[in-house]
Amino acid sequence: MNSLIEQKLKKEISNNKFVHNFREKDAKLMQQFYNCNNKYTFIPAIDDLINYLQYYKTQIQREQK
């Protein structure tokens, strides 16, 4: 499984899509946390990052089958 994850991440990292998008979403999350810690903006930022990571998790699981 680790090699499959590694292959998927290498593919995504090679075009910087995964890393760029992850950093962007993480930065938005941290901005919400540090600037206002407002649940109306902080919780959606958390959900956005979780959804992004779940998408890649699903892609990896599909490739395993």
C-alpha atoms as a PDB file:
ATOM      1  CA  MET A   1       0.000   0.000   0.000  1.00  0.00           C
ATOM      2  CA  ASN A   2       2.789   2.412   0.834  1.00  0.00           C
ATOM      3  CA  SER A   3       4.257   2.014  -2.629  1.00  0.00           C
ATOM      4  CA  LEU A   4       0.872   2.753  -4.201  1.00  0.00           C
ATOM      5  CA  ILE A   5       0.481   5.892  -2.123  1.00  0.00           C
ATOM      6  CA  GLU A   6       4.043   6.855  -2.951  1.00  0.00           C
ATOM      7  CA  GLN A   7       3.409   6.373  -6.685  1.00  0.00           C
ATOM      8  CA  LYS A   8       0.225   8.445  -6.585  1.00  0.00           C
ATOM      9  CA  LEU A   9       1.858  11.239  -4.620  1.00  0.00           C
ATOM     10  CA  LYS A  10       4.933  11.247  -6.852  1.00  0.00           C
ATOM     11  CA  LYS A  11       2.677  11.622  -9.875  1.00  0.00           C
ATOM     12  CA  GLU A  12       0.772  14.499  -8.300  1.00  0.00           C
ATOM     13  CA  ILE A  13       3.872  16.125  -6.844  1.00  0.00           C
ATOM     14  CA  SER A  14       5.651  15.908 -10.167  1.00  0.00           C
ATOM     15  CA  ASN A  15       3.243  18.456 -11.593  1.00  0.00           C
ATOM     16  CA  ASN A  16       2.996  20.251  -8.238  1.00  0.00           C
ATOM     17  CA  LYS A  17      -0.803  20.091  -8.372  1.00  0.00           C
ATOM     18  CA  PHE A  18      -1.255  18.243  -5.088  1.00  0.00           C
ATOM     19  CA  VAL A  19       1.348  20.241  -3.181  1.00  0.00           C
ATOM     20  CA  HIS A  20       0.204  23.598  -4.546  1.00  0.00           C
ATOM     21  CA  ASN A  21      -3.465  22.950  -3.775  1.00  0.00           C
ATOM     22  CA  PHE A  22      -2.720  21.494  -0.355  1.00  0.00           C
ATOM     23  CA  ARG A  23      -0.554  24.455   0.616  1.00  0.00           C
ATOM     24  CA  GLU A  24      -3.192  26.880  -0.597  1.00  0.00           C
ATOM     25  CA  LYS A  25      -5.954  25.198   1.393  1.00  0.00           C
ATOM     26  CA  ASP A  26      -3.735  24.868   4.456  1.00  0.00           C
ATOM     27  CA  ALA A  27      -2.820  28.555   4.280  1.00  0.00           C
ATOM     28  CA  LYS A  28      -6.500  29.520   4.144  1.00  0.00           C
ATOM     29  CA  LEU A  29      -7.192  27.307   7.138  1.00  0.00           C
ATOM     30  CA  MET A  30      -4.361  28.810   9.166  1.00  0.00           C
ATOM     31  CA  GLN A  31      -5.413  32.326   8.174  1.00  0.00           C
ATOM     32  CA  GLN A  32      -8.890  31.653   9.534  1.00  0.00           C
ATOM     33  CA  PHE A  33      -7.456  30.179  12.709  1.00  0.00           C
ATOM     34  CA  TYR A  34      -4.978  32.963  13.476  1.00  0.00           C
ATOM     35  CA  ASN A  35      -6.933  35.988  12.277  1.00  0.00           C
ATOM     36  CA  CYS A  36     -10.390  35.518  13.631  1.00  0.00           C
ATOM     37  CA  ASN A  37     -10.987  31.978  14.896  1.00  0.00           C
ATOM     38  CA  ASN A  38     -14.584  32.467  13.799  1.00  0.00           C
ATOM     39  CA  LYS A  39     -16.510  29.201  13.631  1.00  0.00           C
ATOM     40  CA  TYR A  40     -18.466  30.440  10.611  1.00  0.00           C
ATOM     41  CA  THR A  41     -15.302  30.696   8.530  1.00  0.00           C
ATOM     42  CA  PHE A  42     -12.944  28.333  10.357  1.00  0.00           C
ATOM     43  CA  ILE A  43     -15.148  25.227  10.161  1.00  0.00           C
ATOM     44  CA  PRO A  44     -15.706  25.522   6.377  1.00  0.00           C
ATOM     45  CA  ALA A  45     -11.941  25.924   5.938  1.00  0.00           C
ATOM     46  CA  ILE A  46     -11.416  22.684   7.896  1.00  0.00           C
ATOM     47  CA  ASP A  47     -14.086  20.943   5.819  1.00  0.00           C
ATOM     48  CA  ASP A  48     -12.473  22.122   2.579  1.00  0.00           C
ATOM     49  CA  LEU A  49      -9.102  20.657   3.553  1.00  0.00           C
ATOM     50  CA  ILE A  50     -10.686  17.393   4.753  1.00  0.00           C
ATOM     51  CA  ASN A  51     -12.651  17.032   1.510  1.00  0.00           C
ATOM     52  CA  TYR A  52      -9.508  17.635  -0.516  1.00  0.00           C
ATOM     53  CA  LEU A  53      -7.586  14.936   1.348  1.00  0.00           C
ATOM     54  CA  GLN A  54     -10.531  12.521   1.185  1.00  0.00           C
ATOM     55  CA  TYR A  55     -10.643  12.962  -2.579  1.00  0.00           C
ATOM     56  CA  TYR A  56      -7.039  11.803  -2.872  1.00  0.00           C
ATOM     57  CA  LYS A  57      -7.655   8.982  -0.420  1.00  0.00           C
ATOM     58  CA  THR A  58     -10.532   7.768  -2.603  1.00  0.00           C
ATOM     59  CA  GLN A  59      -8.372   7.954  -5.739  1.00  0.00           C
ATOM     60  CA  ILE A  60      -5.677   5.845  -4.086  1.00  0.00           C
ATOM     61  CA  GLN A  61      -8.214   3.293  -2.878  1.00  0.00           C
ATOM     62  CA  ARG A  62      -9.687   2.979  -6.387  1.00  0.00           C
ATOM     63  CA  GLU A  63      -6.250   2.308  -7.815  1.00  0.00           C
ATOM     64  CA  GLN A  64      -5.701  -0.490  -5.307  1.00  0.00           C
ATOM     65  CA  LYS A  65      -8.641  -2.488  -6.672  1.00  0.00           C
END
